[in-house]
N, C-alpha and C. Protein backbone atom coordinates (compact mmCIF):
# COMPACT_ATOMS: atom_id res chain seq x y z
N MET A 1 5.58 -31.30 15.10
CA MET A 1 4.69 -30.99 15.87
C MET A 1 4.07 -29.78 15.31
N LYS A 2 2.79 -29.28 15.21
CA LYS A 2 2.14 -27.93 14.69
C LYS A 2 1.78 -27.17 15.70
N THR A 3 2.34 -25.86 15.56
CA THR A 3 2.01 -24.96 16.37
C THR A 3 0.58 -24.48 16.58
N PRO A 4 -0.01 -24.19 17.43
CA PRO A 4 -1.71 -23.50 17.34
C PRO A 4 -1.36 -22.27 17.28
N HIS A 5 -0.60 -21.30 17.31
CA HIS A 5 -0.44 -19.94 16.76
C HIS A 5 -0.76 -19.76 15.37
N ILE A 6 -0.42 -20.51 14.50
CA ILE A 6 -0.35 -20.53 12.93
C ILE A 6 -1.71 -20.62 12.52
N GLY A 7 -2.94 -20.73 13.18
CA GLY A 7 -3.90 -20.95 12.79
C GLY A 7 -4.54 -19.60 13.19
N ILE A 8 -4.56 -18.92 14.45
CA ILE A 8 -4.50 -17.78 14.63
C ILE A 8 -4.29 -16.52 13.97
N GLU A 9 -2.88 -16.71 13.92
CA GLU A 9 -2.32 -15.82 12.84
C GLU A 9 -2.94 -15.77 11.55
N ASN A 10 -3.53 -16.65 10.98
CA ASN A 10 -4.21 -16.63 9.71
C ASN A 10 -5.52 -15.85 9.96
N ASP A 11 -6.17 -16.25 11.08
CA ASP A 11 -7.59 -15.57 11.23
C ASP A 11 -7.18 -14.09 11.38
N ILE A 12 -6.25 -13.61 12.02
CA ILE A 12 -5.91 -12.37 12.29
C ILE A 12 -5.87 -11.77 11.08
N ARG A 13 -5.08 -12.21 10.29
CA ARG A 13 -4.68 -11.68 8.64
C ARG A 13 -6.07 -11.75 7.99
N ALA A 14 -6.92 -12.56 7.81
CA ALA A 14 -8.06 -12.55 7.39
C ALA A 14 -9.04 -11.34 7.89
N ILE A 15 -9.08 -11.14 9.33
CA ILE A 15 -9.56 -9.99 9.83
C ILE A 15 -9.26 -8.89 9.37
N GLU A 16 -7.86 -8.78 9.18
CA GLU A 16 -7.39 -7.22 8.75
C GLU A 16 -7.41 -7.02 7.45
N ASP A 17 -7.80 -8.21 6.48
CA ASP A 17 -7.79 -7.97 5.23
C ASP A 17 -9.28 -7.26 4.94
N GLU A 18 -10.18 -8.15 6.12
CA GLU A 18 -11.70 -7.42 5.84
C GLU A 18 -11.96 -6.18 6.53
N ILE A 19 -11.01 -5.56 7.38
CA ILE A 19 -11.27 -4.32 7.81
C ILE A 19 -10.59 -3.19 6.80
N TYR A 20 -9.56 -3.62 6.18
CA TYR A 20 -8.89 -2.93 5.00
C TYR A 20 -9.65 -2.79 3.89
N GLU A 21 -10.59 -4.03 3.48
CA GLU A 21 -11.34 -3.50 2.39
C GLU A 21 -12.58 -2.41 2.75
N ALA A 22 -13.26 -3.31 4.22
CA ALA A 22 -14.26 -2.00 4.61
C ALA A 22 -13.64 -0.51 4.59
N ILE A 23 -12.38 -0.08 5.10
CA ILE A 23 -12.06 1.07 4.89
C ILE A 23 -12.02 1.55 3.96
N LYS A 24 -11.26 0.80 2.53
CA LYS A 24 -11.38 1.25 1.26
C LYS A 24 -12.98 1.76 1.01
N PHE A 25 -14.05 0.64 1.20
CA PHE A 25 -15.31 0.81 0.65
C PHE A 25 -16.02 2.31 1.19
N ILE A 26 -15.79 2.33 2.60
CA ILE A 26 -16.16 3.72 3.24
C ILE A 26 -15.49 4.77 2.74
N LEU A 27 -14.16 5.05 2.57
CA LEU A 27 -13.64 6.12 1.72
C LEU A 27 -14.05 6.49 0.68
N SER A 28 -14.12 5.40 -0.29
CA SER A 28 -14.59 5.76 -1.68
C SER A 28 -16.11 6.21 -1.75
N LYS A 29 -16.91 5.88 -0.62
CA LYS A 29 -18.30 6.38 -0.73
C LYS A 29 -18.36 7.72 -0.13
N ARG A 30 -17.42 8.15 0.89
CA ARG A 30 -17.20 9.28 1.16
C ARG A 30 -16.91 10.19 0.06
N GLU A 31 -15.92 9.90 -0.49
CA GLU A 31 -15.06 10.70 -1.64
C GLU A 31 -16.11 10.87 -2.59
N GLY A 32 -17.11 10.08 -2.98
CA GLY A 32 -17.86 10.09 -4.14
C GLY A 32 -19.16 11.12 -3.47
N GLU A 33 -19.47 11.35 -2.47
CA GLU A 33 -20.39 12.10 -1.84
C GLU A 33 -19.79 13.42 -1.77
N ILE A 34 -18.86 13.72 -1.50
CA ILE A 34 -17.85 15.06 -1.37
C ILE A 34 -17.69 15.48 -2.75
N PHE A 35 -17.37 14.51 -3.50
CA PHE A 35 -16.70 14.84 -5.21
C PHE A 35 -17.30 13.79 -6.00
N PRO A 36 -18.66 14.24 -6.44
CA PRO A 36 -19.72 13.22 -7.40
C PRO A 36 -18.84 13.16 -8.71
N ASN A 37 -18.03 14.19 -8.81
CA ASN A 37 -17.32 14.26 -10.29
C ASN A 37 -16.17 13.55 -10.06
N ARG A 38 -15.71 12.37 -10.32
CA ARG A 38 -14.52 11.82 -9.90
C ARG A 38 -13.31 12.45 -10.76
N SER A 39 -13.41 13.51 -11.70
CA SER A 39 -12.14 13.97 -12.19
C SER A 39 -11.81 15.08 -11.53
N GLU A 40 -12.42 15.40 -10.33
CA GLU A 40 -12.39 16.58 -9.51
C GLU A 40 -11.12 16.05 -8.62
N GLN A 41 -10.08 16.80 -8.60
CA GLN A 41 -8.80 16.84 -7.84
C GLN A 41 -8.49 17.66 -6.38
N LEU A 42 -7.76 17.06 -5.45
CA LEU A 42 -7.88 17.70 -4.55
C LEU A 42 -6.13 18.23 -4.41
N PRO A 43 -5.75 19.51 -4.55
CA PRO A 43 -4.42 20.04 -4.33
C PRO A 43 -3.89 20.06 -3.32
N PRO A 44 -2.68 19.95 -3.04
CA PRO A 44 -2.09 20.04 -1.68
C PRO A 44 -2.13 21.21 -1.28
N ILE A 45 -2.36 21.66 0.07
CA ILE A 45 -2.38 22.86 0.85
C ILE A 45 -1.44 22.72 2.30
N ASP A 46 -1.07 24.20 2.46
CA ASP A 46 -0.37 24.45 3.49
C ASP A 46 -1.41 25.60 4.36
N ILE A 47 -1.48 25.33 5.47
CA ILE A 47 -2.00 26.66 6.10
C ILE A 47 -1.46 27.00 7.46
N TYR A 48 -0.75 28.59 7.55
CA TYR A 48 0.02 28.50 8.43
C TYR A 48 -0.62 29.65 9.51
N VAL A 49 -0.59 29.56 10.60
CA VAL A 49 -1.36 30.50 11.58
C VAL A 49 -0.29 31.35 12.22
N CYS A 50 -0.33 32.74 12.00
CA CYS A 50 0.87 33.53 12.35
C CYS A 50 0.01 34.61 13.10
N ASP A 51 0.81 35.59 14.05
CA ASP A 51 0.37 36.32 14.91
C ASP A 51 -0.61 37.34 14.53
N ASP A 52 -0.73 37.82 13.16
CA ASP A 52 -1.34 38.74 12.80
C ASP A 52 -2.14 38.40 11.31
N MET A 53 -2.01 37.25 10.83
CA MET A 53 -2.81 36.79 9.58
C MET A 53 -2.36 35.18 9.52
N ILE A 54 -3.41 34.46 8.47
CA ILE A 54 -3.55 33.30 8.34
C ILE A 54 -2.63 33.02 6.59
N ARG A 55 -1.81 32.17 6.84
CA ARG A 55 -1.31 32.33 5.42
C ARG A 55 -1.61 30.93 4.68
N VAL A 56 -2.07 30.96 3.68
CA VAL A 56 -2.58 29.57 2.86
C VAL A 56 -1.58 29.51 1.41
N GLU A 57 -1.01 28.30 1.33
CA GLU A 57 -0.31 28.01 -0.09
C GLU A 57 -0.95 26.69 -0.53
N VAL A 58 -1.15 27.04 -1.85
CA VAL A 58 -2.03 25.92 -2.36
C VAL A 58 -0.77 25.52 -3.77
N GLU A 59 -0.40 24.19 -4.02
CA GLU A 59 0.25 23.87 -4.97
C GLU A 59 -0.75 23.61 -6.33
N LEU A 60 -0.30 24.63 -7.20
CA LEU A 60 -1.24 24.59 -8.64
C LEU A 60 -0.15 24.11 -9.79
N PRO A 61 0.43 23.41 -9.83
CA PRO A 61 1.50 23.57 -11.34
C PRO A 61 0.58 23.31 -12.48
N GLY A 62 1.11 23.75 -13.66
CA GLY A 62 0.68 23.66 -14.84
C GLY A 62 -0.88 24.39 -15.04
N ILE A 63 -0.94 25.34 -13.92
CA ILE A 63 -2.37 26.03 -14.14
C ILE A 63 -2.16 27.74 -14.17
N GLU A 64 -2.96 28.10 -15.02
CA GLU A 64 -2.84 29.33 -15.22
C GLU A 64 -3.53 30.39 -14.34
N LYS A 65 -2.92 31.55 -13.86
CA LYS A 65 -3.77 32.57 -12.71
C LYS A 65 -4.98 32.74 -13.25
N GLU A 66 -5.59 32.92 -14.71
CA GLU A 66 -7.08 33.07 -14.90
C GLU A 66 -7.69 31.86 -14.59
N ASP A 67 -7.15 30.61 -14.72
CA ASP A 67 -8.17 29.47 -14.10
C ASP A 67 -8.31 29.24 -12.98
N VAL A 68 -7.98 30.40 -11.82
CA VAL A 68 -7.76 30.08 -10.37
C VAL A 68 -9.02 31.03 -9.84
N GLU A 69 -9.67 30.62 -8.86
CA GLU A 69 -10.97 31.16 -8.37
C GLU A 69 -10.88 31.18 -6.53
N ILE A 70 -10.57 31.97 -6.16
CA ILE A 70 -10.84 32.07 -4.57
C ILE A 70 -12.21 32.73 -3.97
N SER A 71 -12.69 31.99 -2.98
CA SER A 71 -14.11 32.81 -2.38
C SER A 71 -13.88 32.47 -0.92
N TYR A 72 -14.45 33.07 -0.41
CA TYR A 72 -14.76 32.84 1.43
C TYR A 72 -16.23 33.25 1.67
N VAL A 73 -16.61 32.16 2.53
CA VAL A 73 -17.86 32.20 3.13
C VAL A 73 -17.53 31.60 4.45
N ASN A 74 -17.81 32.86 5.28
CA ASN A 74 -17.46 32.51 6.91
C ASN A 74 -17.89 31.15 7.23
N PRO A 75 -17.11 30.37 7.86
CA PRO A 75 -15.59 30.44 8.28
C PRO A 75 -14.84 29.54 7.14
N PHE A 76 -15.50 29.51 5.87
CA PHE A 76 -14.78 28.34 4.73
C PHE A 76 -14.24 29.25 3.91
N LEU A 77 -12.95 28.86 3.34
CA LEU A 77 -12.15 29.41 2.15
C LEU A 77 -12.24 28.29 1.24
N SER A 78 -12.45 28.77 -0.19
CA SER A 78 -12.84 27.90 -1.35
C SER A 78 -11.97 28.22 -2.28
N ILE A 79 -11.27 27.32 -2.72
CA ILE A 79 -9.79 27.54 -4.00
C ILE A 79 -10.57 26.52 -4.94
N LYS A 80 -10.60 27.24 -6.17
CA LYS A 80 -11.25 26.15 -7.23
C LYS A 80 -10.13 26.42 -8.40
N ALA A 81 -9.84 25.52 -9.24
CA ALA A 81 -8.99 25.78 -10.33
C ALA A 81 -9.23 24.74 -11.50
N ARG A 82 -8.73 24.98 -12.85
CA ARG A 82 -8.85 24.34 -13.81
C ARG A 82 -7.67 24.07 -14.55
N LYS A 83 -7.23 22.79 -14.30
CA LYS A 83 -6.00 22.53 -15.25
C LYS A 83 -6.45 22.01 -16.80
N ARG A 84 -5.96 22.55 -17.61
CA ARG A 84 -6.20 22.55 -19.44
C ARG A 84 -5.32 21.62 -19.56
N ASP A 85 -5.59 20.66 -20.56
CA ASP A 85 -4.72 19.72 -21.18
C ASP A 85 -4.41 20.38 -22.66
N PRO A 86 -3.25 20.80 -22.85
CA PRO A 86 -2.57 21.72 -24.12
C PRO A 86 -2.70 20.83 -25.23
N LEU A 87 -3.15 19.21 -25.08
CA LEU A 87 -3.08 18.77 -26.23
C LEU A 87 -4.15 17.54 -26.55
N LYS A 88 -5.41 18.72 -26.02
CA LYS A 88 -6.54 17.78 -25.97
C LYS A 88 -7.07 17.44 -27.34
N ASN A 89 -7.01 18.35 -28.14
CA ASN A 89 -7.60 18.43 -29.23
C ASN A 89 -6.73 17.96 -30.39
N ALA A 90 -5.25 17.70 -29.92
CA ALA A 90 -4.41 17.24 -31.12
C ALA A 90 -4.54 15.61 -30.99
N LYS A 91 -4.25 15.38 -32.33
CA LYS A 91 -4.15 13.94 -32.73
C LYS A 91 -2.76 13.09 -31.71
N VAL A 92 -3.04 12.87 -30.90
CA VAL A 92 -1.69 12.48 -29.98
C VAL A 92 -1.86 10.99 -29.87
N LYS A 93 -1.22 9.99 -29.62
CA LYS A 93 -0.91 9.11 -28.63
C LYS A 93 -0.01 8.95 -27.85
N TYR A 94 -0.13 8.74 -26.61
CA TYR A 94 0.41 9.01 -25.36
C TYR A 94 1.20 7.49 -25.15
N HIS A 95 2.60 7.80 -24.86
CA HIS A 95 3.07 6.38 -24.55
C HIS A 95 3.02 6.07 -22.94
N CYS A 96 2.91 7.59 -22.15
CA CYS A 96 2.77 7.60 -20.67
C CYS A 96 1.98 8.56 -20.31
N MET A 97 0.94 8.48 -19.69
CA MET A 97 0.01 9.79 -19.29
C MET A 97 -0.10 9.63 -17.67
N GLU A 98 0.81 10.33 -16.88
CA GLU A 98 0.52 10.74 -15.37
C GLU A 98 0.00 11.87 -15.23
N SER A 99 0.14 12.90 -15.99
CA SER A 99 -0.55 14.12 -15.58
C SER A 99 -2.09 14.21 -15.57
N VAL A 100 -2.72 14.82 -14.51
CA VAL A 100 -3.91 14.87 -14.53
C VAL A 100 -4.73 16.57 -14.92
N PHE A 101 -5.92 16.08 -15.56
CA PHE A 101 -6.13 17.38 -16.20
C PHE A 101 -7.65 17.59 -15.35
N GLY A 102 -8.33 18.98 -15.44
CA GLY A 102 -9.50 18.83 -15.18
C GLY A 102 -9.81 20.16 -14.04
N LYS A 103 -11.00 19.87 -13.29
CA LYS A 103 -10.97 20.82 -11.91
C LYS A 103 -10.26 20.38 -10.76
N LEU A 104 -9.88 21.21 -10.00
CA LEU A 104 -9.35 21.02 -8.91
C LEU A 104 -10.13 21.87 -7.67
N GLN A 105 -10.44 20.97 -6.58
CA GLN A 105 -11.21 22.23 -5.58
C GLN A 105 -10.62 21.88 -4.17
N ARG A 106 -10.63 22.81 -3.56
CA ARG A 106 -10.20 22.65 -2.14
C ARG A 106 -11.22 23.49 -1.26
N VAL A 107 -11.67 23.07 -0.28
CA VAL A 107 -12.50 23.89 0.65
C VAL A 107 -11.78 23.59 2.21
N VAL A 108 -11.68 24.58 2.92
CA VAL A 108 -11.10 24.67 4.21
C VAL A 108 -11.56 25.23 5.26
N GLU A 109 -11.68 25.01 6.40
CA GLU A 109 -12.26 26.00 7.76
C GLU A 109 -11.07 26.81 8.20
N LEU A 110 -11.25 27.81 8.26
CA LEU A 110 -10.39 28.84 8.77
C LEU A 110 -10.67 28.64 10.33
N PRO A 111 -9.32 28.86 10.96
CA PRO A 111 -9.45 28.43 12.49
C PRO A 111 -9.79 29.67 13.15
N CYS A 112 -9.84 30.95 12.63
CA CYS A 112 -10.41 32.30 13.20
C CYS A 112 -10.94 33.13 12.63
N ALA A 113 -11.47 33.92 12.66
CA ALA A 113 -12.25 35.29 11.99
C ALA A 113 -11.18 36.24 11.24
N ILE A 114 -11.37 36.49 9.77
CA ILE A 114 -10.41 37.07 8.90
C ILE A 114 -11.35 38.40 8.61
N ASN A 115 -10.41 39.44 8.22
CA ASN A 115 -10.89 40.41 7.62
C ASN A 115 -10.67 40.43 6.10
N ILE A 116 -11.70 39.82 5.28
CA ILE A 116 -11.68 39.43 3.75
C ILE A 116 -11.66 40.78 2.84
N LYS A 117 -11.98 41.64 3.42
CA LYS A 117 -11.64 43.28 2.73
C LYS A 117 -9.99 43.28 2.24
N ASN A 118 -9.11 42.87 3.53
CA ASN A 118 -7.75 43.33 3.00
C ASN A 118 -7.00 41.91 2.97
N ALA A 119 -7.58 40.75 2.51
CA ALA A 119 -7.05 39.65 1.66
C ALA A 119 -6.16 39.90 0.46
N ARG A 120 -5.09 39.34 0.56
CA ARG A 120 -4.31 39.44 -0.88
C ARG A 120 -3.92 38.01 -1.22
N ALA A 121 -3.78 37.77 -2.24
CA ALA A 121 -3.28 36.55 -2.97
C ALA A 121 -2.30 36.92 -4.43
N SER A 122 -1.58 35.93 -4.23
CA SER A 122 -0.60 36.12 -5.35
C SER A 122 -0.16 34.63 -6.09
N PHE A 123 0.29 34.49 -7.13
CA PHE A 123 0.44 33.32 -7.95
C PHE A 123 1.89 33.23 -8.68
N THR A 124 2.92 32.53 -8.11
CA THR A 124 4.01 32.58 -8.51
C THR A 124 4.66 31.04 -8.40
N ASP A 125 4.94 30.53 -9.77
CA ASP A 125 5.77 29.55 -10.08
C ASP A 125 4.71 28.29 -9.56
N GLY A 126 3.76 28.60 -10.10
CA GLY A 126 2.61 27.46 -9.80
C GLY A 126 2.45 27.03 -8.15
N VAL A 127 2.57 28.24 -7.39
CA VAL A 127 2.20 28.15 -6.24
C VAL A 127 1.18 29.20 -5.87
N LEU A 128 -0.03 29.42 -5.18
CA LEU A 128 -0.91 30.41 -5.06
C LEU A 128 -0.82 30.68 -3.38
N SER A 129 -0.52 31.88 -2.91
CA SER A 129 -0.31 32.23 -1.74
C SER A 129 -1.31 33.48 -1.34
N ILE A 130 -1.88 33.00 -0.20
CA ILE A 130 -2.95 33.79 0.01
C ILE A 130 -2.83 34.23 1.57
N GLU A 131 -2.92 35.64 1.62
CA GLU A 131 -2.51 36.05 3.01
C GLU A 131 -4.11 36.86 3.32
N LEU A 132 -4.24 36.16 4.62
CA LEU A 132 -5.86 36.85 5.38
C LEU A 132 -5.56 37.40 6.92
N PRO A 133 -5.26 38.72 6.87
CA PRO A 133 -5.46 39.21 8.11
C PRO A 133 -6.67 38.75 8.92
N LYS A 134 -5.96 38.68 10.31
CA LYS A 134 -6.88 38.44 11.49
C LYS A 134 -7.65 39.36 11.74
N VAL A 135 -8.91 39.22 12.45
CA VAL A 135 -9.81 40.06 13.17
C VAL A 135 -9.33 39.97 14.52
N TYR A 136 -9.06 41.28 15.08
CA TYR A 136 -8.78 40.98 16.56
C TYR A 136 -9.97 41.12 17.36
N GLU A 137 -10.81 42.16 16.94
CA GLU A 137 -11.93 42.12 17.84
C GLU A 137 -13.28 42.27 17.06
N ARG A 138 -13.93 41.27 17.44
CA ARG A 138 -15.45 41.32 16.73
C ARG A 138 -16.36 42.17 17.68
N ARG A 139 -17.08 42.97 16.58
CA ARG A 139 -17.97 44.02 16.99
C ARG A 139 -19.12 43.11 18.11
N GLU A 140 -18.91 43.73 19.36
CA GLU A 140 -20.17 43.19 20.43
C GLU A 140 -20.88 44.21 20.77
N PHE A 141 -22.22 43.91 20.63
CA PHE A 141 -23.01 45.04 20.96
C PHE A 141 -24.04 44.59 22.14
N LYS A 142 -24.45 45.28 22.79
CA LYS A 142 -25.32 45.24 24.01
C LYS A 142 -26.57 45.75 23.75
N LYS A 143 -27.71 44.88 23.66
CA LYS A 143 -29.05 45.42 23.39
C LYS A 143 -29.93 44.88 24.64
N LEU A 144 -30.65 45.91 25.33
CA LEU A 144 -31.37 45.66 26.75
C LEU A 144 -32.95 45.26 26.00
N ILE A 145 -33.05 44.23 26.50
CA ILE A 145 -34.61 43.71 26.21
C ILE A 145 -35.25 43.69 27.61
N THR A 146 -36.52 44.50 27.26
CA THR A 146 -37.36 45.03 28.10
C THR A 146 -38.23 44.00 28.31
N VAL A 147 -38.52 43.87 29.93
CA VAL A 147 -39.45 42.33 30.39
C VAL A 147 -40.74 43.13 30.34
N GLU A 148 -41.65 42.55 29.94
CA GLU A 148 -43.03 42.82 29.83
C GLU A 148 -43.88 42.34 31.06
């Protein structure tokens, strides 16, 4: 005796496969819009919100301090870096190549206002640490507008 559920299960699997392919397509298009250069990579980032500051840590193994750029345009923090291939110009045949070289970039929106003048960054053992002091009071001013 044939069970009617088998046909339904196959239909559900087919629909799941179509959804999966559609999601892959959408994500690939979105990634292409954000990063037109496919060689650009996203480094892992951790953001800690403390009482008095925001701490950002970015993993950048194999990158030199001179190849890192940090910028801030309220409310976005941008981290750019370049990982160079030390054997780029050498005549080498790779047996296995899993390392990725080229540009890395990460732009994150910070959760609150910061005092960029007192920001500090350090780079140790392939980890970029950025300390961003919070702004506690925003200057508010009152301006009277005359009614004519």
